[in-house]
Amino acid sequence: MRDQWYGDDGDLLKWGTLVHIAHREKLSAILHVALYRPDDEWAMVNSSRGAVEIPGEVLRHFRNLDNVHRLSKPSGIRIEVFKAPFKDRSAYFEKVRRRIESYREVPLAVFLDPDSGLARDIAGPEHVTEDEVRLAYAAMKPGDVLVCSQRSRRQKGWRGDRRRAFTLALGVASQDVEVFDSELTRDGVLFSVTRRELDDGGESGESTRSPSRQTTG
């Protein structure tokens, strides 16, 4: 997730879904795993007198991922943005695992928010891998809800393909995966699944290993 993309129609879908799930499932907190990549450069404003930078206070007002905290009070839901820079995948998701486990007394929604979604083959920094999804799920307690964002792909049938991959990664039944979309945005969906008492989440030892060190570039 990048600051420059915060606050678009996709965020209405994301946070409308998350708050709905939290209220419906009586969850007290949302942990937003942002897979954050800071923006080094922003577009300029051009004029007949030349290009000018957008003032920092304007960027911070409209394009600051931390602004979602303002949703906590009116929704009654604790929101934490896990905003550590997404660099070393293994170290990053080890921190995510520990952060999820710190909510052992709090009903929780875990929101994985990669820019593109679940990787199909080689994972770049815009993806989350099946191992990483399994690791987050395995760290959750029964009753918690895992939500993962997925952007559209150019291939026909991408939605069903990515839903099957999400389902198989977690070892859950297809009907247990809820899909959210909206006319607000045609290029993204959210997958949601509740951590069940009987779900093994691949916990035969395979899912609890550290995520594979797939390339991020």
Protein backbone atom coordinates (compact mmCIF):
# COMPACT_ATOMS: atom_id res chain seq x y z
CA MET A 1 0.00 0.00 0.00
CA ARG A 2 1.20 3.49 -0.82
CA ASP A 3 0.08 6.85 0.54
CA GLN A 4 -0.65 8.13 -2.97
CA TRP A 5 -3.43 5.56 -3.39
CA TYR A 6 -5.08 6.14 -0.02
CA GLY A 7 -8.57 7.66 -0.06
CA ASP A 8 -9.73 6.45 -3.49
CA ASP A 9 -12.92 4.52 -4.26
CA GLY A 10 -11.12 1.30 -3.46
CA ASP A 11 -10.78 2.45 0.14
CA LEU A 12 -14.52 2.96 0.37
CA LEU A 13 -14.90 -0.70 -0.60
CA LYS A 14 -12.15 -1.81 1.78
CA TRP A 15 -13.16 0.11 4.86
CA GLY A 16 -16.88 -0.18 4.23
CA THR A 17 -16.37 -3.96 4.17
CA LEU A 18 -14.09 -4.01 7.21
CA VAL A 19 -16.38 -1.94 9.42
CA HIS A 20 -19.37 -4.02 8.30
CA ILE A 21 -17.57 -7.27 9.16
CA ALA A 22 -16.38 -5.92 12.50
CA HIS A 23 -19.90 -4.90 13.51
CA ARG A 24 -21.52 -8.08 12.20
CA GLU A 25 -19.02 -10.41 13.85
CA LYS A 26 -18.70 -8.27 17.01
CA LEU A 27 -14.99 -7.65 16.51
CA SER A 28 -13.34 -4.97 18.63
CA ALA A 29 -10.27 -4.22 16.49
CA ILE A 30 -8.90 -4.15 12.95
CA LEU A 31 -5.21 -4.73 12.30
CA HIS A 32 -4.39 -3.22 8.91
CA VAL A 33 -1.30 -4.96 7.53
CA ALA A 34 -0.48 -2.29 4.97
CA LEU A 35 2.60 -3.86 3.31
CA TYR A 36 3.64 -0.24 3.24
CA ARG A 37 5.98 1.16 0.59
CA PRO A 38 6.81 4.85 1.13
CA ASP A 39 6.51 7.13 -1.87
CA ASP A 40 9.79 8.77 -2.85
CA GLU A 41 8.30 11.11 -5.43
CA TRP A 42 4.95 12.74 -6.06
CA ALA A 43 3.54 14.26 -9.23
CA MET A 44 4.02 17.99 -9.63
CA VAL A 45 1.46 20.71 -10.31
CA ASN A 46 2.18 22.31 -13.69
CA SER A 47 1.42 25.89 -14.60
CA SER A 48 2.35 28.41 -17.29
CA ARG A 49 5.03 29.63 -14.90
CA GLY A 50 6.53 26.21 -14.37
CA ALA A 51 6.14 23.15 -12.18
CA VAL A 52 5.57 23.41 -8.43
CA GLU A 53 5.58 20.80 -5.70
CA ILE A 54 2.36 19.91 -3.92
CA PRO A 55 2.72 21.29 -0.35
CA GLY A 56 3.43 18.67 2.27
CA GLU A 57 0.43 19.66 4.38
CA VAL A 58 -1.85 18.98 1.39
CA LEU A 59 -0.32 15.55 0.81
CA ARG A 60 -0.61 14.71 4.51
CA HIS A 61 -4.28 15.72 4.50
CA PHE A 62 -5.39 13.78 1.41
CA ARG A 63 -2.84 11.02 1.04
CA ASN A 64 -1.81 9.87 4.50
CA LEU A 65 -2.50 6.24 5.34
CA ASP A 66 -2.58 7.08 9.05
CA ASN A 67 -5.72 9.17 8.52
CA VAL A 68 -7.79 5.99 8.74
CA HIS A 69 -7.33 6.18 12.52
CA ARG A 70 -9.96 8.92 12.48
CA LEU A 71 -12.48 6.18 11.69
CA SER A 72 -11.96 4.56 15.10
CA LYS A 73 -14.08 6.91 17.21
CA PRO A 74 -17.24 7.09 15.05
CA SER A 75 -17.14 3.33 14.30
CA GLY A 76 -16.29 2.27 17.85
CA ILE A 77 -13.56 -0.01 16.48
CA ARG A 78 -9.90 0.10 17.42
CA ILE A 79 -7.82 0.46 14.25
CA GLU A 80 -4.10 -0.22 14.11
CA VAL A 81 -2.13 0.42 10.93
CA PHE A 82 0.93 -1.84 10.79
CA LYS A 83 3.04 0.57 8.76
CA ALA A 84 6.54 -0.87 8.98
CA PRO A 85 8.20 -0.58 5.54
CA PHE A 86 7.66 -3.74 3.52
CA LYS A 87 11.18 -4.85 2.63
CA ASP A 88 12.45 -8.20 3.94
CA ARG A 89 9.39 -10.47 3.55
CA SER A 90 10.36 -13.06 6.14
CA ALA A 91 11.23 -10.53 8.85
CA TYR A 92 8.16 -8.44 8.05
CA PHE A 93 5.69 -11.31 8.39
CA GLU A 94 7.38 -12.56 11.53
CA LYS A 95 6.54 -9.15 13.03
CA VAL A 96 3.01 -9.44 11.67
CA ARG A 97 2.61 -12.85 13.32
CA ARG A 98 3.71 -11.49 16.68
CA ARG A 99 1.40 -8.49 16.32
CA ILE A 100 -1.60 -10.71 15.58
CA GLU A 101 -0.82 -12.91 18.57
CA SER A 102 -0.69 -9.83 20.81
CA TYR A 103 -4.46 -9.52 20.29
CA ARG A 104 -5.18 -12.84 21.97
CA GLU A 105 -7.81 -11.25 24.26
CA VAL A 106 -9.36 -9.01 21.59
CA PRO A 107 -11.74 -10.13 18.80
CA LEU A 108 -9.85 -9.11 15.67
CA ALA A 109 -10.06 -8.58 11.93
CA VAL A 110 -6.71 -8.93 10.17
CA PHE A 111 -6.61 -7.02 6.89
CA LEU A 112 -3.86 -7.92 4.41
CA ASP A 113 -3.66 -5.04 1.92
CA PRO A 114 -1.19 -5.74 -0.91
CA ASP A 115 -1.32 -3.40 -3.89
CA SER A 116 -2.10 -6.24 -6.31
CA GLY A 117 -3.22 -9.16 -4.16
CA LEU A 118 -2.33 -12.83 -3.84
CA ALA A 119 0.65 -13.74 -6.01
CA ARG A 120 0.08 -16.17 -8.87
CA ASP A 121 3.71 -17.05 -9.53
CA ILE A 122 6.69 -14.93 -8.49
CA ALA A 123 5.80 -12.47 -5.73
CA GLY A 124 6.79 -8.84 -6.07
CA PRO A 125 6.45 -6.13 -3.42
CA GLU A 126 2.89 -5.55 -4.61
CA HIS A 127 1.85 -9.12 -3.69
CA VAL A 128 1.20 -11.32 -0.70
CA THR A 129 2.13 -15.01 -0.99
CA GLU A 130 0.16 -18.10 -0.05
CA ASP A 131 2.68 -18.84 2.72
CA GLU A 132 2.19 -15.34 4.14
CA VAL A 133 -1.60 -15.67 4.08
CA ARG A 134 -1.31 -19.03 5.88
CA LEU A 135 1.05 -17.57 8.48
CA ALA A 136 -1.37 -14.75 9.31
CA TYR A 137 -4.31 -17.15 9.47
CA ALA A 138 -2.46 -19.61 11.71
CA ALA A 139 -1.61 -16.81 14.17
CA MET A 140 -5.28 -15.87 14.57
CA LYS A 141 -7.61 -17.28 17.21
CA PRO A 142 -11.03 -18.83 16.51
CA GLY A 143 -13.60 -16.14 15.72
CA ASP A 144 -11.08 -13.72 14.22
CA VAL A 145 -11.61 -12.77 10.57
CA LEU A 146 -8.97 -12.61 7.85
CA VAL A 147 -9.58 -10.19 4.97
CA CYS A 148 -7.35 -9.90 1.90
CA SER A 149 -7.60 -7.35 -0.92
CA GLN A 150 -7.25 -8.50 -4.52
CA ARG A 151 -6.91 -6.30 -7.60
CA SER A 152 -8.21 -7.44 -10.96
CA ARG A 153 -5.98 -9.21 -13.45
CA ARG A 154 -6.10 -8.99 -17.21
CA GLN A 155 -6.80 -12.69 -17.54
CA LYS A 156 -10.39 -13.81 -17.94
CA GLY A 157 -11.66 -15.59 -14.84
CA TRP A 158 -9.14 -13.90 -12.52
CA ARG A 159 -11.66 -13.54 -9.71
CA GLY A 160 -12.49 -17.24 -9.47
CA ASP A 161 -8.84 -18.17 -9.92
CA ARG A 162 -7.68 -15.97 -7.03
CA ARG A 163 -10.56 -17.07 -4.81
CA ARG A 164 -9.62 -20.71 -5.35
CA ALA A 165 -5.99 -19.91 -4.56
CA PHE A 166 -7.02 -18.14 -1.34
CA THR A 167 -9.28 -21.05 -0.38
CA LEU A 168 -6.64 -23.69 -1.08
CA ALA A 169 -3.92 -21.73 0.70
CA LEU A 170 -5.95 -21.82 3.92
CA GLY A 171 -7.41 -25.29 3.53
CA VAL A 172 -10.98 -24.05 4.00
CA ALA A 173 -14.19 -24.82 2.14
CA SER A 174 -15.07 -22.58 -0.80
CA GLN A 175 -18.39 -21.60 0.79
CA ASP A 176 -16.51 -20.29 3.85
CA VAL A 177 -14.82 -17.58 1.76
CA GLU A 178 -16.98 -14.48 1.46
CA VAL A 179 -16.35 -12.14 -1.50
CA PHE A 180 -17.05 -8.40 -1.37
CA ASP A 181 -17.16 -6.04 -4.35
CA SER A 182 -18.86 -2.78 -5.31
CA GLU A 183 -19.86 -0.67 -8.30
CA LEU A 184 -17.58 1.97 -6.81
CA THR A 185 -14.61 0.13 -8.28
CA ARG A 186 -14.52 -2.53 -10.97
CA ASP A 187 -10.94 -3.59 -10.48
CA GLY A 188 -10.89 -5.04 -6.98
CA VAL A 189 -12.53 -7.44 -4.53
CA LEU A 190 -12.00 -8.53 -0.95
CA PHE A 191 -11.82 -12.13 0.27
CA SER A 192 -12.89 -12.82 3.85
CA VAL A 193 -12.81 -15.95 6.02
CA THR A 194 -13.47 -16.56 9.71
CA ARG A 195 -10.92 -18.54 11.70
CA ARG A 196 -12.79 -21.63 12.82
CA GLU A 197 -12.07 -23.90 15.77
CA LEU A 198 -11.78 -26.92 13.46
CA ASP A 199 -9.82 -25.20 10.68
CA ASP A 200 -6.24 -26.42 10.68
CA GLY A 201 -5.14 -23.55 8.46
CA GLY A 202 -2.48 -25.91 7.15
CA GLU A 203 -1.12 -26.17 10.68
CA SER A 204 0.47 -29.54 10.08
CA GLY A 205 3.71 -27.69 10.50
CA GLU A 206 3.78 -26.37 6.97
CA SER A 207 1.90 -23.12 7.55
CA THR A 208 3.78 -22.10 10.66
CA ARG A 209 7.13 -21.99 8.91
CA SER A 210 8.47 -18.59 7.99
CA PRO A 211 7.25 -17.29 4.64
CA SER A 212 9.46 -18.28 1.72
CA ARG A 213 11.95 -15.65 0.67
CA GLN A 214 10.49 -14.88 -2.72
CA THR A 215 11.90 -11.97 -4.59
CA THR A 216 10.45 -8.52 -4.11
CA GLY A 217 11.84 -6.99 -7.24
